[in-house]
Amino acid sequence: MWLKRHLTDQQAIAVEDLKQPALNLVDEYKRFYPYGQVGGQVVGFVGVDGSGLEGVEKGFDQILRETR
């Protein structure tokens, strides 16, 4: 169960300092678009798991994943 996503560095440190075995931090990758929303209709978008759902994101999903 997610309690919170996209923590700040300070929040992540605070969670780690709790030393609770039931709390785990998970690294998440985020795709970066240099021009923001420009061309968004063509570029498409990804789901919460990072999988391309529409547009170029969907068409080139496998290739984009391999560049991580």
N, C-alpha and C. Protein backbone atom coordinates (compact mmCIF):
# COMPACT_ATOMS: atom_id res chain seq x y z
N MET A 1 0.85 -1.16 0.00
CA MET A 1 0.00 0.00 0.00
C MET A 1 0.90 1.23 0.00
N TRP A 2 0.61 2.16 -0.92
CA TRP A 2 1.33 3.42 -0.94
C TRP A 2 0.80 4.32 0.16
N LEU A 3 1.69 4.89 0.96
CA LEU A 3 1.26 5.90 1.93
C LEU A 3 1.43 7.29 1.33
N LYS A 4 2.52 7.47 0.60
CA LYS A 4 2.78 8.74 -0.08
C LYS A 4 3.81 8.49 -1.16
N ARG A 5 3.63 9.17 -2.28
CA ARG A 5 4.58 9.05 -3.39
C ARG A 5 5.27 10.38 -3.60
N HIS A 6 6.41 10.33 -4.28
CA HIS A 6 7.17 11.53 -4.64
C HIS A 6 7.57 12.35 -3.41
N LEU A 7 8.22 11.69 -2.47
CA LEU A 7 8.69 12.37 -1.27
C LEU A 7 9.84 13.31 -1.59
N THR A 8 9.98 14.35 -0.78
CA THR A 8 11.17 15.19 -0.87
C THR A 8 12.31 14.44 -0.22
N ASP A 9 13.52 14.90 -0.43
CA ASP A 9 14.68 14.26 0.20
C ASP A 9 14.55 14.29 1.72
N GLN A 10 14.08 15.40 2.27
CA GLN A 10 13.93 15.53 3.72
C GLN A 10 12.89 14.55 4.25
N GLN A 11 11.81 14.37 3.53
CA GLN A 11 10.78 13.42 3.96
C GLN A 11 11.30 12.00 3.93
N ALA A 12 12.05 11.65 2.90
CA ALA A 12 12.61 10.29 2.80
C ALA A 12 13.57 10.02 3.95
N ILE A 13 14.38 11.00 4.28
CA ILE A 13 15.33 10.84 5.40
C ILE A 13 14.55 10.65 6.70
N ALA A 14 13.48 11.42 6.89
CA ALA A 14 12.68 11.30 8.10
C ALA A 14 12.06 9.91 8.22
N VAL A 15 11.59 9.36 7.11
CA VAL A 15 11.02 8.00 7.12
C VAL A 15 12.10 6.99 7.46
N GLU A 16 13.27 7.12 6.85
CA GLU A 16 14.38 6.20 7.14
C GLU A 16 14.76 6.26 8.62
N ASP A 17 14.77 7.47 9.18
CA ASP A 17 15.15 7.65 10.59
C ASP A 17 14.17 6.98 11.55
N LEU A 18 12.96 6.70 11.10
CA LEU A 18 11.99 6.00 11.95
C LEU A 18 12.40 4.56 12.21
N LYS A 19 13.19 4.00 11.29
CA LYS A 19 13.67 2.61 11.41
C LYS A 19 12.54 1.61 11.67
N GLN A 20 11.45 1.76 10.94
CA GLN A 20 10.32 0.86 11.04
C GLN A 20 10.42 -0.17 9.92
N PRO A 21 10.52 -1.46 10.25
CA PRO A 21 10.66 -2.48 9.21
C PRO A 21 9.47 -2.56 8.25
N ALA A 22 8.31 -2.07 8.66
CA ALA A 22 7.13 -2.15 7.80
C ALA A 22 7.09 -1.01 6.77
N LEU A 23 7.95 0.00 6.92
CA LEU A 23 7.98 1.12 5.99
C LEU A 23 9.14 0.96 5.03
N ASN A 24 8.84 0.97 3.75
CA ASN A 24 9.88 0.82 2.73
C ASN A 24 9.81 1.97 1.75
N LEU A 25 10.98 2.43 1.34
CA LEU A 25 11.06 3.45 0.30
C LEU A 25 11.37 2.76 -1.02
N VAL A 26 10.70 3.21 -2.08
CA VAL A 26 10.88 2.63 -3.41
C VAL A 26 11.26 3.73 -4.37
N ASP A 27 12.35 3.55 -5.11
CA ASP A 27 12.73 4.52 -6.12
C ASP A 27 11.76 4.44 -7.29
N GLU A 28 11.33 5.59 -7.75
CA GLU A 28 10.46 5.65 -8.93
C GLU A 28 11.15 6.52 -9.97
N TYR A 29 11.05 6.10 -11.22
CA TYR A 29 11.62 6.87 -12.31
C TYR A 29 10.55 7.74 -12.94
N LYS A 30 10.97 8.90 -13.39
CA LYS A 30 10.04 9.82 -14.01
C LYS A 30 10.63 10.29 -15.33
N ARG A 31 9.84 10.27 -16.37
CA ARG A 31 10.31 10.75 -17.65
C ARG A 31 10.29 12.27 -17.66
N PHE A 32 11.31 12.85 -18.25
CA PHE A 32 11.47 14.29 -18.30
C PHE A 32 11.25 14.78 -19.72
N TYR A 33 10.43 15.79 -19.89
CA TYR A 33 10.16 16.37 -21.20
C TYR A 33 10.75 17.77 -21.24
N PRO A 34 11.84 17.97 -22.00
CA PRO A 34 12.55 19.25 -22.01
C PRO A 34 11.66 20.46 -22.33
N TYR A 35 10.65 20.31 -23.15
CA TYR A 35 9.80 21.44 -23.51
C TYR A 35 8.43 21.38 -22.84
N GLY A 36 8.35 20.66 -21.75
CA GLY A 36 7.11 20.60 -20.98
C GLY A 36 5.95 20.04 -21.79
N GLN A 37 4.86 20.78 -21.85
CA GLN A 37 3.64 20.29 -22.50
C GLN A 37 3.61 20.55 -24.00
N VAL A 38 4.64 21.20 -24.54
CA VAL A 38 4.65 21.45 -25.98
C VAL A 38 4.65 20.12 -26.72
N GLY A 39 3.72 19.94 -27.63
CA GLY A 39 3.62 18.70 -28.39
C GLY A 39 3.05 17.55 -27.61
N GLY A 40 2.41 17.84 -26.49
CA GLY A 40 1.88 16.80 -25.61
C GLY A 40 0.93 15.83 -26.29
N GLN A 41 0.17 16.32 -27.26
CA GLN A 41 -0.77 15.45 -27.95
C GLN A 41 -0.05 14.38 -28.76
N VAL A 42 1.13 14.72 -29.26
CA VAL A 42 1.91 13.76 -30.04
C VAL A 42 2.75 12.88 -29.12
N VAL A 43 3.37 13.52 -28.14
CA VAL A 43 4.24 12.78 -27.22
C VAL A 43 3.45 11.74 -26.45
N GLY A 44 2.24 12.09 -26.03
CA GLY A 44 1.43 11.15 -25.28
C GLY A 44 1.70 11.23 -23.79
N PHE A 45 1.44 10.13 -23.09
CA PHE A 45 1.64 10.14 -21.64
C PHE A 45 1.86 8.72 -21.14
N VAL A 46 2.28 8.63 -19.88
CA VAL A 46 2.54 7.34 -19.24
C VAL A 46 1.62 7.18 -18.04
N GLY A 47 1.44 5.92 -17.61
CA GLY A 47 0.66 5.63 -16.42
C GLY A 47 1.53 5.70 -15.18
N VAL A 48 0.97 5.41 -14.02
CA VAL A 48 1.71 5.49 -12.76
C VAL A 48 2.88 4.52 -12.72
N ASP A 49 2.83 3.46 -13.52
CA ASP A 49 3.92 2.49 -13.55
C ASP A 49 4.98 2.85 -14.58
N GLY A 50 4.79 4.00 -15.27
CA GLY A 50 5.76 4.43 -16.26
C GLY A 50 5.56 3.84 -17.64
N SER A 51 4.53 3.05 -17.83
CA SER A 51 4.25 2.45 -19.14
C SER A 51 3.59 3.48 -20.05
N GLY A 52 4.06 3.56 -21.31
CA GLY A 52 3.46 4.46 -22.27
C GLY A 52 2.03 4.07 -22.57
N LEU A 53 1.11 5.02 -22.48
CA LEU A 53 -0.31 4.73 -22.69
C LEU A 53 -0.84 5.30 -23.99
N GLU A 54 -0.25 6.38 -24.47
CA GLU A 54 -0.72 7.01 -25.70
C GLU A 54 0.45 7.66 -26.43
N GLY A 55 0.25 7.93 -27.71
CA GLY A 55 1.21 8.67 -28.52
C GLY A 55 2.56 7.98 -28.68
N VAL A 56 3.59 8.81 -28.84
CA VAL A 56 4.95 8.30 -29.01
C VAL A 56 5.38 7.49 -27.79
N GLU A 57 4.91 7.91 -26.62
CA GLU A 57 5.23 7.18 -25.39
C GLU A 57 4.82 5.72 -25.51
N LYS A 58 3.66 5.47 -26.08
CA LYS A 58 3.18 4.10 -26.23
C LYS A 58 3.93 3.38 -27.34
N GLY A 59 4.11 4.07 -28.46
CA GLY A 59 4.77 3.45 -29.61
C GLY A 59 6.22 3.07 -29.37
N PHE A 60 6.91 3.87 -28.56
CA PHE A 60 8.33 3.63 -28.30
C PHE A 60 8.60 3.24 -26.85
N ASP A 61 7.58 2.75 -26.17
CA ASP A 61 7.70 2.44 -24.75
C ASP A 61 8.90 1.54 -24.45
N GLN A 62 9.06 0.46 -25.18
CA GLN A 62 10.16 -0.47 -24.90
C GLN A 62 11.52 0.20 -25.06
N ILE A 63 11.68 0.97 -26.11
CA ILE A 63 12.96 1.66 -26.35
C ILE A 63 13.21 2.68 -25.25
N LEU A 64 12.20 3.44 -24.86
CA LEU A 64 12.36 4.45 -23.80
C LEU A 64 12.70 3.79 -22.48
N ARG A 65 12.15 2.63 -22.20
CA ARG A 65 12.46 1.92 -20.95
C ARG A 65 13.91 1.45 -20.93
N GLU A 66 14.44 1.06 -22.07
CA GLU A 66 15.80 0.53 -22.14
C GLU A 66 16.86 1.60 -21.91
N THR A 67 16.52 2.88 -21.98
CA THR A 67 17.50 3.94 -21.82
C THR A 67 17.67 4.37 -20.39
N ARG A 68 16.99 3.74 -19.47
CA ARG A 68 17.10 4.12 -18.03
C ARG A 68 18.47 3.80 -17.51
